[in-house]
Amino acid sequence: MERLLTLLLGFARDNRGATAIEYGLIAAGISMSVIIGGQEIGRFIRGVFEAAQAGLNP
């Protein structure tokens, strides 16, 4: 019984899983920022090319 209690207390004090989850959340946030930023840049570039096309068409 004492060994089980020691094992459970050691498990409760271990933070490695929490750290991995935090890094996962940070990576997810960065990924979302990159995706959203890429979409906005794509919209801007599309507008530039559409404006150029409209200027070339009589």
Protein backbone atom coordinates (compact mmCIF):
# COMPACT_ATOMS: atom_id res chain seq x y z
CA MET A 1 0.00 0.00 0.00
CA GLU A 2 2.83 2.39 0.83
CA ARG A 3 4.43 1.73 -2.55
CA LEU A 4 1.15 2.55 -4.34
CA LEU A 5 0.83 5.78 -2.36
CA THR A 6 4.40 6.73 -3.25
CA LEU A 7 3.70 5.99 -6.91
CA LEU A 8 0.53 8.11 -6.92
CA LEU A 9 2.24 11.02 -5.18
CA GLY A 10 5.08 10.88 -7.69
CA PHE A 11 2.56 10.89 -10.53
CA ALA A 12 0.75 13.89 -9.03
CA ARG A 13 3.99 15.87 -8.76
CA ASP A 14 5.11 15.15 -12.33
CA ASN A 15 4.63 18.23 -14.59
CA ARG A 16 6.03 16.84 -17.84
CA GLY A 17 2.59 16.14 -19.28
CA ALA A 18 1.39 19.66 -18.47
CA THR A 19 4.46 21.13 -20.15
CA ALA A 20 3.81 19.08 -23.28
CA ILE A 21 0.21 20.32 -23.38
CA GLU A 22 1.37 23.92 -22.99
CA TYR A 23 3.82 23.53 -25.87
CA GLY A 24 1.06 21.99 -27.95
CA LEU A 25 -1.22 24.95 -27.29
CA ILE A 26 1.55 27.38 -28.18
CA ALA A 27 2.22 25.50 -31.43
CA ALA A 28 -1.50 25.52 -32.26
CA GLY A 29 -1.68 29.28 -31.66
CA ILE A 30 1.32 29.95 -33.86
CA SER A 31 -0.10 27.69 -36.58
CA MET A 32 -3.41 29.53 -36.53
CA SER A 33 -1.61 32.87 -36.77
CA VAL A 34 0.40 31.71 -39.77
CA ILE A 35 -2.69 30.35 -41.53
CA ILE A 36 -4.75 33.50 -40.92
CA GLY A 37 -1.83 35.74 -41.92
CA GLY A 38 -1.30 33.73 -45.09
CA GLN A 39 -4.95 34.08 -46.02
CA GLU A 40 -4.84 37.84 -45.53
CA ILE A 41 -1.68 38.16 -47.63
CA GLY A 42 -3.34 36.03 -50.31
CA ARG A 43 -6.36 38.32 -50.38
CA PHE A 44 -4.10 41.36 -50.68
CA ILE A 45 -2.11 39.84 -53.54
CA ARG A 46 -5.32 38.81 -55.32
CA GLY A 47 -6.52 42.43 -55.08
CA VAL A 48 -3.26 43.70 -56.55
CA PHE A 49 -3.49 41.34 -59.52
CA GLU A 50 -7.17 42.08 -60.08
CA ALA A 51 -6.40 45.80 -60.11
CA ALA A 52 -3.57 45.22 -62.57
CA GLN A 53 -5.85 43.12 -64.77
CA ALA A 54 -8.57 45.78 -64.69
CA GLY A 55 -5.98 48.39 -65.71
CA LEU A 56 -4.88 46.29 -68.69
CA ASN A 57 -8.36 45.53 -70.00
CA PRO A 58 -9.86 48.33 -72.07
